[in-house]
Amino acid sequence: MTLSAQQMSGPPYTLPEDAVEWLQALAALRRAAVTNPRVAPFREQIASACEWTARALRADDT
């Protein structure tokens, strides 16, 4: 069974709106990956998604 982001985090679910909020959200995710039993089983999928995102952020689009 695949859970949506809203099901994983519970209501209300909103995306970070700026870089500071993204850094805070990623720090919370890092902590949750170790301590939250609802997140820990998905660590490999989360890591893959973060790697794809990191590659996109580093890509030179000029």
Protein backbone atom coordinates (compact mmCIF):
# COMPACT_ATOMS: atom_id res chain seq x y z
CA MET A 1 0.00 0.00 0.00
CA THR A 2 1.32 3.43 -0.93
CA LEU A 3 0.56 6.35 1.34
CA SER A 4 0.20 9.89 0.08
CA ALA A 5 2.22 12.70 1.64
CA GLN A 6 -0.89 13.89 3.46
CA GLN A 7 -1.51 10.43 4.90
CA MET A 8 2.12 10.23 6.05
CA SER A 9 2.25 13.61 7.75
CA GLY A 10 -1.36 14.08 8.75
CA PRO A 11 -3.45 17.17 8.11
CA PRO A 12 -2.78 19.91 7.37
CA TYR A 13 -0.11 19.19 4.79
CA THR A 14 1.64 22.11 3.08
CA LEU A 15 4.90 22.39 1.18
CA PRO A 16 7.66 24.65 2.47
CA GLU A 17 7.43 28.10 0.91
CA ASP A 18 11.04 29.26 0.95
CA ALA A 19 14.60 27.97 1.29
CA VAL A 20 14.62 28.30 5.09
CA GLU A 21 11.43 26.25 5.40
CA TRP A 22 12.84 23.63 3.01
CA LEU A 23 15.99 23.33 5.13
CA GLN A 24 13.85 22.96 8.25
CA ALA A 25 11.63 20.36 6.57
CA LEU A 26 14.66 18.36 5.42
CA ALA A 27 16.15 18.49 8.93
CA ALA A 28 12.85 17.21 10.34
CA LEU A 29 12.80 14.45 7.71
CA ARG A 30 16.36 13.46 8.63
CA ARG A 31 15.33 13.11 12.28
CA ALA A 32 12.11 11.29 11.41
CA ALA A 33 13.94 8.77 9.23
CA VAL A 34 15.61 7.51 12.38
CA THR A 35 12.88 7.89 14.98
CA ASN A 36 9.48 7.81 13.28
CA PRO A 37 8.21 4.28 12.54
CA ARG A 38 5.91 5.71 9.84
CA VAL A 39 8.89 7.17 7.94
CA ALA A 40 11.69 4.68 8.61
CA PRO A 41 10.37 1.92 6.29
CA PHE A 42 10.55 4.37 3.37
CA ARG A 43 14.12 5.53 3.94
CA GLU A 44 15.45 4.07 0.67
CA GLN A 45 12.67 5.66 -1.41
CA ILE A 46 13.17 8.99 0.34
CA ALA A 47 16.93 8.79 -0.21
CA SER A 48 16.42 8.13 -3.92
CA ALA A 49 14.03 11.07 -4.24
CA CYS A 50 16.53 13.31 -2.42
CA GLU A 51 19.33 12.17 -4.75
CA TRP A 52 17.23 12.97 -7.83
CA THR A 53 16.43 16.36 -6.35
CA ALA A 54 20.08 17.06 -5.52
CA ARG A 55 21.10 16.23 -9.10
CA ALA A 56 18.44 18.59 -10.44
CA LEU A 57 19.54 21.36 -8.06
CA ARG A 58 23.17 20.95 -9.13
CA ALA A 59 22.40 20.78 -12.85
CA ASP A 60 23.78 23.65 -14.86
CA ASP A 61 20.79 24.96 -16.78
CA THR A 62 22.64 27.78 -18.53
